[in-house]
Amino acid sequence: MNTQHLGAICRDWLLARTEHVENYVLKTERRFRTTMQFLPEQFALQQGAWRAKLAADRAWWEVPAYQHFLAINGVKRPGGNFGRLPIMNKENYIKAYPIEERCLGGKFLQRGVAIDESSGSSGTPYDWVRGEAERSRTQQTLVRILEQMVDNKPRLAINAFSMGAWSTGQNMAQALEKHSTVKSTGPDVEKVLHTLEFFGPRLGYFVAGYPPFLKTVVDEMLKRDFPMAEYELHGLVGGEAISEELRRYLLRYFQTCHSGYGASDLEIGVAVETPEAVRIRQLLNDNDRFREELLGCGKRVPMVFQYNPMCHYLETSTEGDLIATLTYSRTLSPRIRYNIGDEAKLFTRRELLQRMSDLGQNTVVRPGAVPLPLPYLFLFGRRDQTISVMGANIYSADVERALYSQEQLAIGLSSFMLSVGGQGAHCIHPKLCIEWGTSETPKLPLEPLARRIEDRLAEINSDFRNARRESAMNMRVELAIYPSGTGPFADKDRRIKNRYIARAQSQ
């Protein structure tokens, strides 16, 4: 028996063992969920590392594109040093190889395979293929996430994510069906409100959608004097970050509001906001000293999630980019050390809680909540969600925080767009366009509001604060308010997500 044949036998045995474990987990999800609460974090990390190596080895054996990708990067086969494998991304892997060559066996045309599409918010939508087994596993994972966020009580879930070819809406609908009764309305306010009115307050509800859409729903309810207090409403948001200021706005009317992290490049349900994670995020948002001690001076507020390394093995690059490996053996189109383009920082839960204790903070959450012993993902988001003025990086997430600190704006805010205004090098400045939620805009004191937004940005963004000291004129915020769907927001119906940084031609 030659070495190659022996290696193939060993590989098949390992894969069979892995698939047996995965099947067992799916069939005994409640036992798995209970076990995860007591499983040592270090064991999960070690198993995640082992599974990532196995996923790389299988991809090398069965995925034509990955074989070539390793070869052109000087790697004969994965071997034992996982950290030396080349990092893939959209440019060097997704765009470089046909979709079938990135699949197991070099094909995707088979029963049970679904194709969905990313939103195209980065400029170009991409198609992604997913096998039946991996979609089933993702759905079961989301069931466990929902139960960790709230509980296992069945509710009526209103899926208000965009439907059609896009991945989030389809996958959320299928996942929610495993937990609750589902009606997929898409992002249609009238259909959401009709559903709530038709079934009434006797049921509990999940309302799932992009964060700005949930605010639109709340604002429409307020305009109609909808009896929200009679309803049990829980918000499930995703697709983009939510500021704590917006969460607090929603929590005036929702009992809970949780977010999750996922991406079309990978899958939904990569990481989740547990009650403990929300508590830590609130501390980072409200306590500047704590945030600076934990993350360093000038760091903006990240989203805070917990993740299971046995499903998604996460690393960070030397530049701080998030690197993800899908570890399940039956992933149709494997991603091995994939750079999704998000800036992130990773903590073990043990390390994070120790650091918090040293800084005099605790993570006490609601009574009865059982924390998960899983590591933490601090997600800062895409590096391109920023403009630069006088060397100061101004992030859309910081602008959202500043806007929601102004009650006059928060009550009617639908979306916003940030750009660099001015014509010459000596008069450039931040320009902030706000989309109002109605066809008419209120008469607001724009100049005082702009200065208050400016002051708030200086409080939460050290880049902005320092640049303002050096050149106050260049850091003066120009504020404009537009009726819904007009001005720079006229083409928003073509997109399923808001665009927060204006393109060059819109500036």
Protein backbone atom coordinates (compact mmCIF):
# COMPACT_ATOMS: atom_id res chain seq x y z
CA MET A 1 0.00 0.00 0.00
CA ASN A 2 1.57 3.32 -1.04
CA THR A 3 1.75 6.40 1.16
CA GLN A 4 -0.83 8.32 -0.85
CA HIS A 5 -3.39 5.50 -0.56
CA LEU A 6 -2.77 5.18 3.19
CA GLY A 7 -3.23 8.95 3.55
CA ALA A 8 -6.54 8.76 1.71
CA ILE A 9 -7.77 6.02 4.06
CA CYS A 10 -6.78 8.04 7.13
CA ARG A 11 -8.43 11.15 5.71
CA ASP A 12 -11.67 9.30 4.99
CA TRP A 13 -11.69 7.85 8.51
CA LEU A 14 -11.23 11.32 10.04
CA LEU A 15 -13.96 12.76 7.86
CA ALA A 16 -16.33 9.93 8.74
CA ARG A 17 -15.63 10.49 12.41
CA THR A 18 -16.23 14.23 12.03
CA GLU A 19 -19.51 13.77 10.16
CA HIS A 20 -20.69 11.27 12.78
CA VAL A 21 -20.11 13.86 15.50
CA GLU A 22 -21.87 16.57 13.47
CA ASN A 23 -24.90 14.34 12.87
CA TYR A 24 -25.03 13.50 16.57
CA VAL A 25 -24.95 17.18 17.48
CA LEU A 26 -27.78 18.03 15.10
CA LYS A 27 -29.97 15.20 16.40
CA THR A 28 -29.36 16.02 20.05
CA GLU A 29 -29.34 19.80 19.99
CA ARG A 30 -30.83 20.22 23.46
CA ARG A 31 -28.17 17.97 24.98
CA PHE A 32 -25.55 19.88 22.98
CA ARG A 33 -26.87 23.22 24.24
CA THR A 34 -26.70 22.03 27.84
CA THR A 35 -23.22 20.61 27.32
CA MET A 36 -21.95 23.88 25.82
CA GLN A 37 -22.80 25.69 29.05
CA PHE A 38 -20.31 23.57 30.96
CA LEU A 39 -17.75 22.74 28.26
CA PRO A 40 -14.32 24.22 29.06
CA GLU A 41 -13.54 27.12 26.74
CA GLN A 42 -10.02 25.87 26.11
CA PHE A 43 -11.38 22.53 24.90
CA ALA A 44 -13.62 24.30 22.37
CA LEU A 45 -10.65 26.33 21.10
CA GLN A 46 -8.46 23.24 20.78
CA GLN A 47 -11.17 21.31 18.96
CA GLY A 48 -11.76 24.30 16.70
CA ALA A 49 -8.07 24.41 15.74
CA TRP A 50 -8.08 20.66 15.00
CA ARG A 51 -11.25 20.91 12.91
CA ALA A 52 -9.82 23.87 10.97
CA LYS A 53 -6.75 21.81 10.02
CA LEU A 54 -9.00 18.94 8.94
CA ALA A 55 -11.14 21.32 6.85
CA ALA A 56 -7.99 22.62 5.10
CA ASP A 57 -6.81 19.08 4.41
CA ARG A 58 -10.14 18.08 2.92
CA ALA A 59 -10.26 21.21 0.76
CA TRP A 60 -6.79 20.38 -0.57
CA TRP A 61 -7.93 16.86 -1.49
CA GLU A 62 -11.32 17.73 -2.99
CA VAL A 63 -11.43 21.37 -4.15
CA PRO A 64 -9.59 22.12 -7.41
CA ALA A 65 -9.32 25.86 -6.77
CA TYR A 66 -7.80 25.35 -3.33
CA GLN A 67 -5.20 22.93 -4.68
CA HIS A 68 -4.12 25.54 -7.22
CA PHE A 69 -4.34 28.38 -4.69
CA LEU A 70 -1.96 26.61 -2.33
CA ALA A 71 0.39 25.68 -5.17
CA ILE A 72 0.80 29.24 -6.47
CA ASN A 73 1.47 30.36 -2.90
CA GLY A 74 4.26 27.83 -2.50
CA VAL A 75 2.41 25.32 -0.31
CA LYS A 76 2.46 21.69 -1.44
CA ARG A 77 -0.26 20.58 0.99
CA PRO A 78 -1.74 21.93 4.25
CA GLY A 79 0.39 19.88 6.67
CA GLY A 80 0.54 20.64 10.37
CA ASN A 81 1.18 24.41 10.53
CA PHE A 82 -2.25 25.90 9.92
CA GLY A 83 -1.00 29.45 10.49
CA ARG A 84 1.31 29.31 7.48
CA LEU A 85 -1.50 28.64 5.01
CA PRO A 86 -2.17 31.60 2.68
CA ILE A 87 -5.06 33.91 3.50
CA MET A 88 -7.79 33.99 0.87
CA ASN A 89 -10.12 36.88 0.05
CA LYS A 90 -12.49 38.00 -2.69
CA GLU A 91 -9.73 39.28 -4.94
CA ASN A 92 -7.25 36.40 -4.80
CA TYR A 93 -9.73 33.53 -4.51
CA ILE A 94 -13.41 34.29 -5.12
CA LYS A 95 -12.81 36.37 -8.24
CA ALA A 96 -9.83 34.30 -9.35
CA TYR A 97 -11.62 30.93 -9.68
CA PRO A 98 -14.94 29.84 -11.23
CA ILE A 99 -17.61 28.97 -8.68
CA GLU A 100 -17.60 25.24 -9.50
CA GLU A 101 -13.82 24.97 -9.00
CA ARG A 102 -14.30 26.34 -5.48
CA CYS A 103 -16.68 23.46 -4.62
CA LEU A 104 -16.07 19.92 -3.40
CA GLY A 105 -15.41 17.71 -6.40
CA GLY A 106 -15.38 20.73 -8.70
CA LYS A 107 -19.17 20.87 -9.06
CA PHE A 108 -22.24 22.41 -7.44
CA LEU A 109 -25.05 21.30 -9.77
CA GLN A 110 -26.73 18.68 -7.59
CA ARG A 111 -29.85 18.12 -5.51
CA GLY A 112 -30.32 20.14 -2.37
CA VAL A 113 -27.97 22.97 -3.33
CA ALA A 114 -29.25 26.55 -2.95
CA ILE A 115 -27.75 29.67 -4.52
CA ASP A 116 -28.12 33.01 -2.83
CA GLU A 117 -26.71 36.45 -3.47
CA SER A 118 -24.94 39.01 -1.33
CA SER A 119 -26.44 42.48 -1.04
CA GLY A 120 -23.87 44.22 -3.24
CA SER A 121 -23.40 46.94 -0.63
CA SER A 122 -19.65 46.86 -1.37
CA GLY A 123 -20.34 47.55 -5.06
CA THR A 124 -20.67 44.09 -6.63
CA PRO A 125 -23.12 41.34 -5.60
CA TYR A 126 -21.74 37.78 -5.54
CA ASP A 127 -23.42 34.39 -5.83
CA TRP A 128 -22.81 31.80 -3.11
CA VAL A 129 -23.67 28.10 -3.16
CA ARG A 130 -24.67 26.15 -0.05
CA GLY A 131 -25.40 22.46 0.32
CA GLU A 132 -28.43 21.01 2.06
CA ALA A 133 -26.45 19.66 5.02
CA GLU A 134 -24.69 22.93 5.79
CA ARG A 135 -27.93 24.91 5.53
CA SER A 136 -29.62 22.50 7.94
CA ARG A 137 -26.74 22.84 10.37
CA THR A 138 -26.82 26.66 10.13
CA GLN A 139 -30.55 26.64 10.85
CA GLN A 140 -30.07 24.49 13.94
CA THR A 141 -27.31 26.83 15.09
CA LEU A 142 -29.67 29.79 14.78
CA VAL A 143 -32.29 27.97 16.84
CA ARG A 144 -29.76 27.64 19.65
CA ILE A 145 -28.86 31.31 19.22
CA LEU A 146 -32.49 32.41 19.58
CA GLU A 147 -32.91 30.31 22.70
CA GLN A 148 -29.75 31.79 24.19
CA MET A 149 -30.90 35.33 23.37
CA VAL A 150 -34.41 34.98 24.76
CA ASP A 151 -35.83 31.50 25.51
CA ASN A 152 -37.37 28.50 23.74
CA LYS A 153 -40.97 29.74 23.86
CA PRO A 154 -42.56 29.59 20.36
CA ARG A 155 -43.55 32.97 18.96
CA LEU A 156 -44.71 34.44 15.70
CA ALA A 157 -41.58 35.55 13.86
CA ILE A 158 -41.96 38.37 11.35
CA ASN A 159 -39.06 38.09 8.94
CA ALA A 160 -38.59 41.61 7.59
CA PHE A 161 -35.24 40.99 5.92
CA SER A 162 -35.20 41.48 2.16
CA MET A 163 -36.41 38.39 0.34
CA GLY A 164 -35.71 37.11 -3.16
CA ALA A 165 -32.17 36.14 -4.16
CA TRP A 166 -30.52 37.60 -1.08
CA SER A 167 -29.06 35.23 1.43
CA THR A 168 -30.12 36.79 4.74
CA GLY A 169 -33.85 36.83 4.08
CA GLN A 170 -34.04 33.27 2.79
CA ASN A 171 -31.78 31.77 5.42
CA MET A 172 -33.46 33.61 8.28
CA ALA A 173 -36.89 32.46 7.15
CA GLN A 174 -35.78 28.82 7.06
CA ALA A 175 -33.98 29.09 10.39
CA LEU A 176 -36.84 30.84 12.17
CA GLU A 177 -39.18 28.04 11.07
CA LYS A 178 -37.16 25.64 13.26
CA HIS A 179 -37.99 27.76 16.31
CA SER A 180 -41.26 29.60 15.70
CA THR A 181 -44.12 30.22 13.34
CA VAL A 182 -42.88 32.48 10.53
CA LYS A 183 -44.36 35.08 8.24
CA SER A 184 -41.90 36.64 5.79
CA THR A 185 -43.05 40.14 4.95
CA GLY A 186 -39.78 41.55 3.68
CA PRO A 187 -39.00 45.16 4.62
CA ASP A 188 -42.61 46.30 4.16
CA VAL A 189 -43.87 48.38 7.08
CA GLU A 190 -47.52 48.02 6.09
CA LYS A 191 -47.29 44.22 6.03
CA VAL A 192 -45.50 44.13 9.39
CA LEU A 193 -48.15 46.30 11.02
CA HIS A 194 -50.98 44.36 9.36
CA THR A 195 -49.55 41.11 10.76
CA LEU A 196 -49.37 42.57 14.27
CA GLU A 197 -52.90 43.95 14.04
CA PHE A 198 -54.37 40.76 12.54
CA PHE A 199 -52.98 38.35 15.15
CA GLY A 200 -53.15 40.83 18.00
CA PRO A 201 -51.33 41.03 21.31
CA ARG A 202 -52.17 37.51 22.49
CA LEU A 203 -48.99 36.19 20.80
CA GLY A 204 -45.36 36.99 21.39
CA TYR A 205 -43.42 38.28 18.39
CA PHE A 206 -39.93 38.30 16.97
CA VAL A 207 -39.42 41.10 14.47
CA ALA A 208 -36.28 40.42 12.42
CA GLY A 209 -34.67 42.95 10.09
CA TYR A 210 -31.97 45.51 9.52
CA PRO A 211 -31.61 47.94 12.47
CA PRO A 212 -32.84 51.05 10.58
CA PHE A 213 -35.94 49.17 9.43
CA LEU A 214 -36.95 48.25 12.97
CA LYS A 215 -36.73 51.94 13.84
CA THR A 216 -38.94 52.72 10.83
CA VAL A 217 -41.49 50.22 12.17
CA VAL A 218 -41.43 51.84 15.62
CA ASP A 219 -41.76 55.34 14.19
CA GLU A 220 -44.76 54.32 12.08
CA MET A 221 -46.37 52.72 15.13
CA LEU A 222 -45.92 55.96 17.07
CA LYS A 223 -47.51 57.99 14.27
CA ARG A 224 -50.55 55.68 14.30
CA ASP A 225 -50.83 55.46 18.10
CA PHE A 226 -50.33 51.71 17.81
CA PRO A 227 -50.82 50.04 21.24
CA MET A 228 -47.24 48.74 21.50
CA ALA A 229 -47.42 48.41 25.27
CA GLU A 230 -49.95 45.58 24.86
CA TYR A 231 -47.53 43.52 22.72
CA GLU A 232 -44.59 41.30 23.59
CA LEU A 233 -42.03 42.37 20.99
CA HIS A 234 -38.47 41.11 20.57
CA GLY A 235 -36.09 42.59 18.02
CA LEU A 236 -33.61 40.50 16.02
CA VAL A 237 -31.29 42.65 13.94
CA GLY A 238 -28.41 41.93 11.62
CA GLY A 239 -26.78 42.84 8.35
CA GLU A 240 -25.06 45.89 9.84
CA ALA A 241 -23.97 47.19 13.23
CA ILE A 242 -26.42 48.72 15.66
CA SER A 243 -25.34 51.50 17.98
CA GLU A 244 -26.26 51.34 21.66
CA GLU A 245 -28.13 54.59 21.19
CA LEU A 246 -30.37 53.01 18.54
CA ARG A 247 -30.79 49.87 20.64
CA ARG A 248 -31.97 51.99 23.56
CA TYR A 249 -34.40 53.78 21.30
CA LEU A 250 -35.88 50.42 20.24
CA LEU A 251 -35.90 49.08 23.80
CA ARG A 252 -38.42 51.73 24.77
CA TYR A 253 -40.90 49.51 22.91
CA PHE A 254 -39.22 46.08 22.51
CA GLN A 255 -38.58 43.78 25.46
CA THR A 256 -35.25 42.64 24.01
CA CYS A 257 -33.14 43.57 21.01
CA HIS A 258 -30.23 41.35 19.99
CA SER A 259 -27.92 41.28 17.02
CA GLY A 260 -25.94 38.54 15.31
CA TYR A 261 -22.92 38.49 13.06
CA GLY A 262 -22.86 36.78 9.73
CA ALA A 263 -21.91 37.42 6.14
CA SER A 264 -22.89 36.12 2.74
CA ASP A 265 -19.21 35.29 2.21
CA LEU A 266 -19.44 32.83 5.11
CA GLU A 267 -22.90 32.20 6.55
CA ILE A 268 -25.35 33.70 9.00
CA GLY A 269 -24.92 32.84 12.67
CA VAL A 270 -21.13 33.15 12.85
CA ALA A 271 -21.40 34.90 16.22
CA VAL A 272 -24.16 36.13 18.51
CA GLU A 273 -24.97 38.78 21.08
CA THR A 274 -25.60 36.87 24.28
CA PRO A 275 -26.98 38.78 27.30
CA GLU A 276 -23.43 38.87 28.70
CA ALA A 277 -22.08 40.24 25.42
CA VAL A 278 -24.71 43.00 25.41
CA ARG A 279 -23.71 43.97 28.94
CA ILE A 280 -20.04 44.22 27.90
CA ARG A 281 -20.96 46.26 24.80
CA GLN A 282 -22.91 48.70 26.98
CA LEU A 283 -19.88 49.15 29.24
CA LEU A 284 -17.63 49.84 26.26
CA ASN A 285 -20.13 52.35 24.93
CA ASP A 286 -20.75 54.26 28.16
CA ASN A 287 -17.40 54.09 29.94
CA ASP A 288 -14.64 55.79 27.94
CA ARG A 289 -11.96 54.93 30.48
CA PHE A 290 -12.89 51.26 30.46
CA ARG A 291 -12.89 51.17 26.65
CA GLU A 292 -9.48 52.86 26.42
CA GLU A 293 -7.96 50.58 29.06
CA LEU A 294 -9.29 47.49 27.32
CA LEU A 295 -8.86 48.43 23.65
CA GLY A 296 -6.43 51.33 23.57
CA CYS A 297 -6.80 55.05 23.09
CA GLY A 298 -8.95 56.22 20.21
CA LYS A 299 -10.68 52.92 19.56
CA ARG A 300 -14.32 53.20 18.54
CA VAL A 301 -17.03 51.05 20.11
CA PRO A 302 -17.09 47.57 18.55
CA MET A 303 -19.96 45.13 18.31
CA VAL A 304 -19.43 42.39 20.91
CA PHE A 305 -20.27 38.77 20.12
CA GLN A 306 -19.55 35.28 21.37
CA TYR A 307 -18.72 32.54 18.89
CA ASN A 308 -18.25 28.77 18.84
CA PRO A 309 -14.73 28.00 17.54
CA MET A 310 -15.74 24.41 16.81
CA CYS A 311 -18.02 25.78 14.05
CA HIS A 312 -16.17 28.92 13.02
CA TYR A 313 -12.46 29.04 13.73
CA LEU A 314 -11.49 32.72 13.94
CA GLU A 315 -8.11 34.45 13.81
CA THR A 316 -6.92 38.00 13.20
CA SER A 317 -4.24 39.07 10.75
CA THR A 318 -1.27 41.28 11.64
CA GLU A 319 -3.33 44.22 10.32
CA GLY A 320 -6.25 43.31 12.61
CA ASP A 321 -8.53 41.83 9.92
CA LEU A 322 -10.84 38.98 10.85
CA ILE A 323 -9.81 35.62 9.35
CA ALA A 324 -12.47 32.88 9.37
CA THR A 325 -12.45 29.15 8.60
CA LEU A 326 -15.66 27.13 8.22
CA THR A 327 -14.86 23.88 10.02
CA TYR A 328 -17.84 21.67 9.16
CA SER A 329 -16.84 18.83 6.86
CA ARG A 330 -19.87 19.12 4.57
CA THR A 331 -19.39 22.76 3.54
CA LEU A 332 -19.91 22.69 -0.24
CA SER A 333 -17.61 25.63 -0.98
CA PRO A 334 -14.99 25.69 1.80
CA ARG A 335 -13.46 28.93 3.01
CA ILE A 336 -10.08 28.37 4.65
CA ARG A 337 -8.48 31.35 6.38
CA TYR A 338 -10.84 33.73 4.58
CA ASN A 339 -10.40 37.49 5.10
CA ILE A 340 -13.86 39.00 4.99
CA GLY A 341 -12.56 42.56 5.32
CA ASP A 342 -13.80 43.33 8.84
CA GLU A 343 -11.50 44.78 11.51
CA ALA A 344 -11.71 42.75 14.70
CA LYS A 345 -10.12 41.74 17.99
CA LEU A 346 -10.46 38.36 19.71
CA PHE A 347 -10.52 37.54 23.43
CA THR A 348 -10.94 34.32 25.31
CA ARG A 349 -13.79 34.70 27.77
CA ARG A 350 -11.46 33.90 30.65
CA GLU A 351 -9.00 36.61 29.60
CA LEU A 352 -11.74 39.18 29.00
CA LEU A 353 -13.48 38.64 32.34
CA GLN A 354 -10.12 38.81 34.14
CA ARG A 355 -9.29 42.09 32.40
CA MET A 356 -12.71 43.44 33.33
CA SER A 357 -12.29 42.36 36.94
CA ASP A 358 -8.92 44.10 37.09
CA LEU A 359 -10.66 47.27 35.89
CA GLY A 360 -13.39 46.95 38.52
CA GLN A 361 -16.17 45.85 36.15
CA ASN A 362 -18.48 42.83 36.21
CA THR A 363 -20.84 41.26 33.71
CA VAL A 364 -23.92 40.68 35.86
CA VAL A 365 -26.90 40.16 33.54
CA ARG A 366 -30.53 39.27 34.09
CA PRO A 367 -31.28 36.73 36.87
CA GLY A 368 -31.30 33.15 35.66
CA ALA A 369 -29.26 33.84 32.53
CA VAL A 370 -26.65 31.10 32.04
CA PRO A 371 -23.46 32.46 30.45
CA LEU A 372 -21.75 30.50 27.68
CA PRO A 373 -18.07 29.65 28.19
CA LEU A 374 -17.15 30.70 24.66
CA PRO A 375 -14.61 33.21 23.34
CA TYR A 376 -15.41 36.77 22.29
CA LEU A 377 -15.30 38.58 18.97
CA PHE A 378 -15.01 42.38 19.10
CA LEU A 379 -16.04 43.57 15.64
CA PHE A 380 -15.16 47.10 14.51
CA GLY A 381 -16.58 46.66 11.01
CA ARG A 382 -15.37 47.43 7.52
CA ARG A 383 -12.42 49.75 7.19
CA ASP A 384 -14.09 51.47 4.23
CA GLN A 385 -16.99 52.74 6.40
CA THR A 386 -15.14 55.98 7.07
CA ILE A 387 -14.21 59.34 5.60
CA SER A 388 -10.99 61.21 6.33
CA VAL A 389 -10.82 64.95 6.99
CA MET A 390 -7.52 66.55 8.00
CA GLY A 391 -6.15 63.09 8.75
CA ALA A 392 -9.05 62.28 11.09
CA ASN A 393 -11.00 59.09 10.39
CA ILE A 394 -14.70 59.62 10.97
CA TYR A 395 -16.68 56.38 11.16
CA SER A 396 -20.33 55.97 10.27
CA ALA A 397 -20.85 54.12 13.57
CA ASP A 398 -19.67 57.20 15.49
CA VAL A 399 -21.98 59.43 13.46
CA GLU A 400 -24.95 57.18 14.29
CA ARG A 401 -24.15 57.48 17.99
CA ALA A 402 -23.98 61.27 17.67
CA LEU A 403 -27.26 61.46 15.77
CA TYR A 404 -29.20 59.36 18.25
CA SER A 405 -27.98 61.56 21.07
CA GLN A 406 -30.10 64.35 19.56
CA GLU A 407 -33.75 63.62 20.30
CA GLN A 408 -34.97 66.14 17.70
CA LEU A 409 -33.21 64.12 14.99
CA ALA A 410 -33.64 60.62 16.41
CA ILE A 411 -37.42 60.78 16.30
CA GLY A 412 -37.58 61.19 12.52
CA LEU A 413 -34.24 59.80 11.35
CA SER A 414 -34.54 57.18 8.60
CA SER A 415 -30.96 57.06 7.30
CA PHE A 416 -27.89 59.23 6.85
CA MET A 417 -24.96 59.61 4.50
CA LEU A 418 -21.50 60.92 5.30
CA SER A 419 -19.17 62.59 2.82
CA VAL A 420 -16.42 65.20 2.50
CA GLY A 421 -17.79 68.61 1.54
CA GLY A 422 -15.98 71.64 0.13
CA GLN A 423 -14.17 72.37 -3.10
CA GLY A 424 -10.63 73.35 -2.19
CA ALA A 425 -7.95 71.95 0.09
CA HIS A 426 -8.51 74.72 2.65
CA CYS A 427 -12.27 74.36 3.07
CA ILE A 428 -12.95 70.62 3.16
CA HIS A 429 -15.20 69.53 6.01
CA PRO A 430 -17.51 66.66 7.06
CA LYS A 431 -20.87 66.78 5.31
CA LEU A 432 -23.78 64.92 6.89
CA CYS A 433 -26.98 64.34 4.95
CA ILE A 434 -29.99 63.03 6.85
CA GLU A 435 -32.97 61.27 5.30
CA TRP A 436 -36.17 62.10 7.16
CA GLY A 437 -38.79 59.40 7.50
CA THR A 438 -41.57 61.37 5.75
CA SER A 439 -42.09 63.31 2.53
CA GLU A 440 -41.81 66.59 4.42
CA THR A 441 -38.97 67.74 6.66
CA PRO A 442 -39.50 69.64 9.91
CA LYS A 443 -38.15 73.11 10.51
CA LEU A 444 -35.21 72.36 12.78
CA PRO A 445 -32.35 74.61 13.93
CA LEU A 446 -29.71 73.01 11.67
CA GLU A 447 -26.77 75.13 12.77
CA PRO A 448 -27.12 74.45 16.53
CA LEU A 449 -27.81 70.77 15.82
CA ALA A 450 -24.70 70.54 13.65
CA ARG A 451 -22.57 72.02 16.43
CA ARG A 452 -24.02 69.58 18.99
CA ILE A 453 -23.27 66.66 16.65
CA GLU A 454 -19.77 68.07 16.24
CA ASP A 455 -19.32 68.24 20.02
CA ARG A 456 -20.54 64.68 20.44
CA LEU A 457 -18.18 63.41 17.73
CA ALA A 458 -15.33 65.16 19.54
CA GLU A 459 -16.28 63.31 22.73
CA ILE A 460 -16.30 59.85 21.22
CA ASN A 461 -13.68 60.10 18.45
CA SER A 462 -10.16 61.15 19.45
CA ASP A 463 -9.13 61.65 15.79
CA PHE A 464 -11.95 64.14 15.34
CA ARG A 465 -11.17 65.84 18.66
CA ASN A 466 -7.48 66.36 17.85
CA ALA A 467 -8.15 67.55 14.30
CA ARG A 468 -10.74 69.99 15.63
CA ARG A 469 -8.15 71.54 17.94
CA GLU A 470 -5.80 72.04 15.00
CA SER A 471 -8.35 73.28 12.45
CA ALA A 472 -11.81 73.98 13.81
CA MET A 473 -13.07 75.31 10.47
CA ASN A 474 -12.23 72.11 8.60
CA MET A 475 -14.03 70.01 11.21
CA ARG A 476 -17.27 72.02 11.18
CA VAL A 477 -20.07 69.62 10.31
CA GLU A 478 -22.34 70.66 7.45
CA LEU A 479 -25.84 69.32 8.09
CA ALA A 480 -28.65 68.88 5.57
CA ILE A 481 -32.03 67.12 5.91
CA TYR A 482 -33.88 65.59 2.94
CA PRO A 483 -37.42 64.23 2.58
CA SER A 484 -37.63 60.45 2.26
CA GLY A 485 -36.21 59.11 -1.00
CA THR A 486 -34.86 62.42 -2.29
CA GLY A 487 -31.43 63.98 -2.80
CA PRO A 488 -28.60 61.52 -2.18
CA PHE A 489 -31.18 58.95 -1.03
CA ALA A 490 -33.10 58.94 -4.33
CA ASP A 491 -31.71 55.57 -5.47
CA LYS A 492 -31.98 53.70 -2.16
CA ASP A 493 -34.77 51.44 -3.47
CA ARG A 494 -32.17 49.75 -5.66
CA ARG A 495 -30.30 48.56 -2.58
CA ILE A 496 -31.36 46.29 0.27
CA LYS A 497 -29.05 47.97 2.78
CA ASN A 498 -28.45 51.62 3.58
CA ARG A 499 -25.29 53.23 2.26
CA TYR A 500 -23.66 55.40 4.91
CA ILE A 501 -20.61 56.66 3.02
CA ALA A 502 -21.40 58.67 -0.09
CA ARG A 503 -19.68 57.74 -3.32
CA ALA A 504 -17.37 60.29 -4.85
CA GLN A 505 -19.88 61.53 -7.40
CA SER A 506 -22.41 62.20 -4.64
CA GLN A 507 -20.12 64.39 -2.64
